[in-house]
C-alpha cells in the first residue's frame, strides 16, 4: 500500500500526474494536428469583460462550476451531466461556466468542453492544471473562452508566456493566486483577470478571509474573482462591500439537493 500523501504534496502530485497525461496526449494527437483545427481567431475578453462589476453598486457576477469530485470533499455528484448542468446555470443567470476537466482527481474530461460549447452561449472556463502550451492550444480548438493558470505551479516567466500565448489564441487567462507573493507575480506577468482562491491548494484548507485580505491589493483595472468557500448569501453580502467583481461557485451548487433554487438564492444575494 502506498503511503498517504502529505497535505503539502497534494498540488505537486496532481500537477505531476497532469504533466504525464499531457505528454501521452501529445503523442496521440500532436500539436501540429491541433493547429490545423484551430477555428477562426476570436478576440479575447469573452469571459473577462462580462465579469466586470462596473462599480460598487453593480451586482457581483457568478461563475458556476461543473465538478464531480473534489480531493478535499470526495465525490460531490458522480452522475453530474455537464450539458444539463451548464444549461441550468445559464437559465439561472450565470455569467460564466467553469468546467473542471482534470480526469484523475476531479472526475472531469476535456470532452466536456466539446459537449457543452454548442449547448450554451455563456463563456466557458476550462479549469485544469495547465503546465504545457499544448493545453492552451487544445482549449482553443475545443471552443473554450478562457483557461485557468495556477500561479503556485508556474514560475513568473511561464505565467507571462502562457498569458501571452492564451491571448494570441483568443483565450482569457484566469490566474489563480492564494497569497500576496503569488498575486504580485501574477500582476507582473500581465494578468488582467485574477482569481483569489480561499483554498490553499497545497493543504486543501479553506479560509474565506484570504479573499478579504487580498482583494484590496488588486489594481482597479484588473478583474477580481473570489474562489472556493463561497457557499451562502452572507459570503456574497460581505464580498459586495469589497471591490470583488465576481465569484466562482462550485461545491455549494454541486452538492445541493436543488441546484436551481440554490443558484437563485445566491444570485439574489449577488445583486444586493
Protein backbone atom coordinates (compact mmCIF):
# COMPACT_ATOMS: atom_id res chain seq x y z
CA UNK A 1 0.00 0.00 0.00
CA UNK A 2 1.34 3.43 -0.94
CA UNK A 3 1.80 5.88 1.92
CA UNK A 4 -0.83 8.59 2.10
CA UNK A 5 0.45 11.81 0.52
CA UNK A 6 1.23 14.60 2.92
CA UNK A 7 -1.12 17.60 2.53
CA UNK A 8 1.70 19.75 1.20
CA UNK A 9 2.24 17.21 -1.59
CA UNK A 10 -1.31 17.34 -2.99
CA UNK A 11 -0.84 20.15 -5.51
CA UNK A 12 2.55 18.90 -6.70
CA UNK A 13 1.22 15.36 -7.10
CA UNK A 14 -1.77 16.46 -9.17
CA UNK A 15 0.42 18.70 -11.35
CA UNK A 16 2.93 15.88 -11.92
CA UNK A 17 0.14 13.48 -12.87
CA UNK A 18 -1.20 16.02 -15.33
CA UNK A 19 2.20 16.56 -16.93
CA UNK A 20 2.50 12.85 -17.64
CA UNK A 21 -1.02 12.69 -19.04
CA UNK A 22 -0.41 15.64 -21.35
CA UNK A 23 2.78 14.07 -22.70
CA UNK A 24 0.75 10.99 -23.62
CA UNK A 25 -1.94 13.16 -25.20
CA UNK A 26 0.68 14.97 -27.30
CA UNK A 27 1.81 11.64 -28.74
CA UNK A 28 -1.76 10.66 -29.54
CA UNK A 29 -2.67 13.99 -31.15
CA UNK A 30 0.39 16.15 -31.95
CA UNK A 31 0.29 19.93 -31.70
CA UNK A 32 0.54 20.40 -35.46
CA UNK A 33 -2.73 18.49 -35.87
CA UNK A 34 -4.38 20.81 -33.36
CA UNK A 35 -3.11 23.90 -35.17
CA UNK A 36 -4.73 22.66 -38.35
CA UNK A 37 -8.05 22.54 -36.48
CA UNK A 38 -7.90 25.99 -34.90
CA UNK A 39 -11.12 27.92 -35.53
CA UNK A 40 -11.03 31.46 -36.94
CA UNK A 41 -9.39 33.82 -34.47
CA UNK A 42 -11.73 35.33 -31.90
CA UNK A 43 -10.90 38.31 -29.70
CA UNK A 44 -10.08 37.60 -26.08
CA UNK A 45 -12.03 39.16 -23.23
CA UNK A 46 -15.09 36.97 -23.76
CA UNK A 47 -15.09 35.96 -20.09
CA UNK A 48 -13.24 38.88 -18.53
CA UNK A 49 -15.43 41.66 -19.91
CA UNK A 50 -18.76 40.21 -18.72
CA UNK A 51 -17.29 39.59 -15.24
CA UNK A 52 -16.52 43.25 -14.60
CA UNK A 53 -18.85 44.54 -11.94
CA UNK A 54 -18.92 48.14 -13.09
CA UNK A 55 -18.74 49.80 -9.67
CA UNK A 56 -19.73 49.15 -6.04
CA UNK A 57 -23.46 49.26 -6.79
CA UNK A 58 -23.27 46.67 -9.56
CA UNK A 59 -24.10 43.02 -8.98
CA UNK A 60 -21.36 40.51 -8.31
CA UNK A 61 -21.13 38.18 -11.29
CA UNK A 62 -21.32 34.42 -10.78
CA UNK A 63 -19.16 31.82 -12.49
CA UNK A 64 -20.82 28.48 -11.79
CA UNK A 65 -18.80 25.30 -11.83
CA UNK A 66 -19.35 21.75 -13.01
CA UNK A 67 -17.23 19.44 -10.85
CA UNK A 68 -17.93 15.81 -9.99
CA UNK A 69 -15.18 15.17 -7.43
CA UNK A 70 -13.16 17.28 -5.02
CA UNK A 71 -9.91 15.98 -3.49
CA UNK A 72 -10.91 17.69 -0.25
CA UNK A 73 -14.59 16.63 -0.12
CA UNK A 74 -14.64 13.42 -2.17
CA UNK A 75 -17.48 12.70 -4.57
CA UNK A 76 -19.77 15.72 -4.99
CA UNK A 77 -22.12 14.43 -7.68
CA UNK A 78 -20.80 11.40 -9.53
CA UNK A 79 -23.53 11.41 -12.17
CA UNK A 80 -23.47 15.14 -12.93
CA UNK A 81 -24.30 15.76 -16.59
CA UNK A 82 -22.12 18.67 -17.75
CA UNK A 83 -24.51 19.72 -20.53
CA UNK A 84 -27.64 19.64 -18.37
CA UNK A 85 -25.83 21.40 -15.53
CA UNK A 86 -24.47 24.10 -17.83
CA UNK A 87 -27.96 24.75 -19.18
CA UNK A 88 -29.29 25.01 -15.62
CA UNK A 89 -26.58 27.54 -14.79
CA UNK A 90 -27.29 29.60 -17.90
CA UNK A 91 -31.02 29.63 -17.16
CA UNK A 92 -30.23 30.73 -13.60
CA UNK A 93 -28.24 33.76 -14.72
CA UNK A 94 -24.62 32.62 -14.53
CA UNK A 95 -22.21 34.98 -16.28
CA UNK A 96 -19.69 32.19 -16.89
CA UNK A 97 -19.47 28.43 -16.59
CA UNK A 98 -16.38 26.65 -15.25
CA UNK A 99 -15.76 23.06 -16.33
CA UNK A 100 -13.28 21.15 -14.19
CA UNK A 101 -11.82 18.88 -16.86
CA UNK A 102 -8.99 17.19 -14.91
CA UNK A 103 -9.91 13.48 -15.01
CA UNK A 104 -7.85 11.62 -12.42
CA UNK A 105 -8.51 13.66 -9.28
CA UNK A 106 -11.66 15.62 -10.19
CA UNK A 107 -13.57 13.18 -12.40
CA UNK A 108 -13.68 15.56 -15.36
CA UNK A 109 -12.95 15.27 -19.05
CA UNK A 110 -11.66 17.58 -21.76
CA UNK A 111 -14.54 16.33 -23.89
CA UNK A 112 -16.91 18.24 -21.63
CA UNK A 113 -15.88 21.39 -23.47
CA UNK A 114 -16.78 19.77 -26.80
CA UNK A 115 -20.20 18.77 -25.45
CA UNK A 116 -21.10 21.98 -23.60
CA UNK A 117 -19.87 24.50 -26.17
CA UNK A 118 -22.75 24.06 -28.64
CA UNK A 119 -25.27 23.83 -25.79
CA UNK A 120 -24.77 27.28 -24.26
CA UNK A 121 -23.87 30.83 -25.21
CA UNK A 122 -22.30 31.52 -21.81
CA UNK A 123 -18.47 31.90 -21.76
CA UNK A 124 -16.69 28.67 -20.79
CA UNK A 125 -13.69 28.44 -18.49
CA UNK A 126 -11.60 25.30 -18.96
CA UNK A 127 -10.35 24.58 -15.46
CA UNK A 128 -7.39 22.24 -15.41
CA UNK A 129 -3.78 22.13 -14.25
CA UNK A 130 -2.04 23.84 -17.16
CA UNK A 131 1.65 23.01 -17.34
CA UNK A 132 2.21 22.98 -21.11
CA UNK A 133 1.41 25.28 -24.04
CA UNK A 134 -0.22 22.29 -25.71
CA UNK A 135 -3.13 22.60 -23.26
CA UNK A 136 -3.82 26.17 -24.38
CA UNK A 137 -3.90 25.11 -28.00
CA UNK A 138 -6.21 22.21 -27.15
CA UNK A 139 -8.53 24.53 -25.21
CA UNK A 140 -8.81 26.91 -28.16
CA UNK A 141 -9.56 24.07 -30.57
CA UNK A 142 -12.32 22.76 -28.30
CA UNK A 143 -14.01 26.18 -28.12
CA UNK A 144 -13.17 27.34 -24.60
CA UNK A 145 -13.26 31.06 -23.90
CA UNK A 146 -10.80 31.03 -21.01
CA UNK A 147 -8.31 28.82 -19.21
CA UNK A 148 -7.15 28.61 -15.61
CA UNK A 149 -3.48 29.25 -14.81
CA UNK A 150 -2.38 28.38 -11.26
CA UNK A 151 0.41 30.65 -10.01
CA UNK A 152 1.51 28.09 -7.41
CA UNK A 153 2.70 25.64 -10.09
CA UNK A 154 4.10 28.11 -12.62
CA UNK A 155 7.13 30.38 -12.50
CA UNK A 156 6.64 34.06 -13.27
CA UNK A 157 8.29 33.55 -16.66
CA UNK A 158 5.96 30.69 -17.58
CA UNK A 159 2.97 32.64 -16.32
CA UNK A 160 3.88 35.54 -18.59
CA UNK A 161 4.42 33.19 -21.51
CA UNK A 162 1.13 31.34 -21.02
CA UNK A 163 -0.87 34.56 -20.58
CA UNK A 164 0.58 35.89 -23.85
CA UNK A 165 0.03 32.62 -25.71
CA UNK A 166 -3.54 32.41 -24.44
CA UNK A 167 -4.32 35.90 -25.73
CA UNK A 168 -2.86 35.08 -29.13
CA UNK A 169 -5.25 32.12 -29.25
CA UNK A 170 -8.18 34.32 -28.24
CA UNK A 171 -8.37 32.92 -24.70
CA UNK A 172 -8.66 34.78 -21.41
CA UNK A 173 -6.36 33.59 -18.63
CA UNK A 174 -7.81 33.44 -15.13
CA UNK A 175 -4.68 33.47 -12.99
CA UNK A 176 -5.31 31.83 -9.63
CA UNK A 177 -3.43 33.08 -6.57
CA UNK A 178 -3.55 32.34 -2.87
CA UNK A 179 -1.20 34.81 -1.19
CA UNK A 180 0.50 38.19 -1.66
CA UNK A 181 3.56 36.75 -3.36
CA UNK A 182 1.52 34.86 -5.95
CA UNK A 183 -0.64 37.93 -6.56
CA UNK A 184 2.44 40.09 -7.13
CA UNK A 185 3.91 37.55 -9.56
CA UNK A 186 0.62 37.29 -11.44
CA UNK A 187 0.36 41.05 -11.87
CA UNK A 188 3.98 41.36 -13.01
CA UNK A 189 3.31 38.59 -15.52
CA UNK A 190 0.50 40.64 -17.02
CA UNK A 191 -2.62 39.09 -15.51
CA UNK A 192 -5.76 41.16 -16.00
CA UNK A 193 -8.14 38.51 -14.63
CA UNK A 194 -7.18 37.24 -11.18
CA UNK A 195 -8.84 34.55 -9.10
CA UNK A 196 -8.21 34.65 -5.36
CA UNK A 197 -8.55 31.11 -4.10
CA UNK A 198 -9.64 30.80 -0.49
CA UNK A 199 -8.47 27.19 -0.62
CA UNK A 200 -4.76 26.59 -0.20
CA UNK A 201 -4.15 24.00 -2.92
CA UNK A 202 -1.14 22.66 -1.06
CA UNK A 203 -3.10 21.76 2.08
CA UNK A 204 -6.73 21.97 0.80
CA UNK A 205 -7.66 24.13 3.79
CA UNK A 206 -10.20 26.92 3.15
CA UNK A 207 -10.10 30.40 4.69
CA UNK A 208 -12.70 32.89 3.41
CA UNK A 209 -10.55 35.66 4.87
CA UNK A 210 -7.98 35.12 2.11
CA UNK A 211 -10.19 36.93 -0.41
CA UNK A 212 -10.98 39.74 2.02
CA UNK A 213 -7.26 40.26 2.68
CA UNK A 214 -6.08 40.19 -0.94
CA UNK A 215 -8.91 41.99 -2.76
CA UNK A 216 -7.72 45.48 -1.69
CA UNK A 217 -4.35 44.69 -3.31
CA UNK A 218 -5.84 44.00 -6.74
CA UNK A 219 -5.44 47.07 -9.02
CA UNK A 220 -8.66 48.77 -10.18
CA UNK A 221 -8.23 47.78 -13.84
CA UNK A 222 -7.77 44.08 -13.00
CA UNK A 223 -10.90 41.92 -12.78
CA UNK A 224 -11.02 40.15 -9.40
CA UNK A 225 -12.73 36.81 -8.77
CA UNK A 226 -13.16 35.16 -5.36
CA UNK A 227 -12.95 31.37 -5.43
CA UNK A 228 -13.76 28.49 -3.03
CA UNK A 229 -15.59 28.60 0.25
CA UNK A 230 -18.37 30.88 -1.01
CA UNK A 231 -21.49 28.94 -0.18
CA UNK A 232 -24.16 31.18 1.30
CA UNK A 233 -25.72 34.64 0.84
CA UNK A 234 -23.75 36.09 3.76
CA UNK A 235 -20.47 35.45 1.95
CA UNK A 236 -21.79 37.35 -1.07
CA UNK A 237 -23.06 40.21 1.07
CA UNK A 238 -19.59 40.59 2.57
CA UNK A 239 -17.96 40.47 -0.85
CA UNK A 240 -20.34 43.14 -2.16
CA UNK A 241 -18.72 45.53 0.29
CA UNK A 242 -15.34 44.97 -1.39
CA UNK A 243 -14.02 45.61 -4.92
CA UNK A 244 -14.75 41.98 -5.86
CA UNK A 245 -16.11 41.65 -9.40
CA UNK A 246 -17.16 38.02 -9.49
CA UNK A 247 -17.33 34.79 -7.53
CA UNK A 248 -16.66 31.24 -8.69
CA UNK A 249 -19.05 28.80 -7.01
CA UNK A 250 -18.88 25.05 -7.41
CA UNK A 251 -19.31 22.77 -4.41
CA UNK A 252 -22.29 24.67 -3.00
CA UNK A 253 -24.18 24.03 -6.23
CA UNK A 254 -22.91 20.53 -6.96
CA UNK A 255 -23.88 19.24 -3.51
CA UNK A 256 -27.26 20.98 -3.31
CA UNK A 257 -30.41 18.87 -3.47
CA UNK A 258 -31.92 21.66 -5.59
CA UNK A 259 -29.14 23.43 -7.54
CA UNK A 260 -31.59 25.75 -9.34
CA UNK A 261 -33.02 27.01 -6.04
CA UNK A 262 -29.54 27.36 -4.55
CA UNK A 263 -28.38 29.37 -7.55
CA UNK A 264 -31.44 31.62 -7.30
CA UNK A 265 -30.66 32.25 -3.61
CA UNK A 266 -27.04 33.13 -4.37
CA UNK A 267 -27.96 35.24 -7.37
CA UNK A 268 -30.33 37.32 -5.24
CA UNK A 269 -27.54 37.98 -2.72
CA UNK A 270 -25.11 38.82 -5.52
CA UNK A 271 -27.47 41.51 -6.81
CA UNK A 272 -27.91 43.00 -3.35
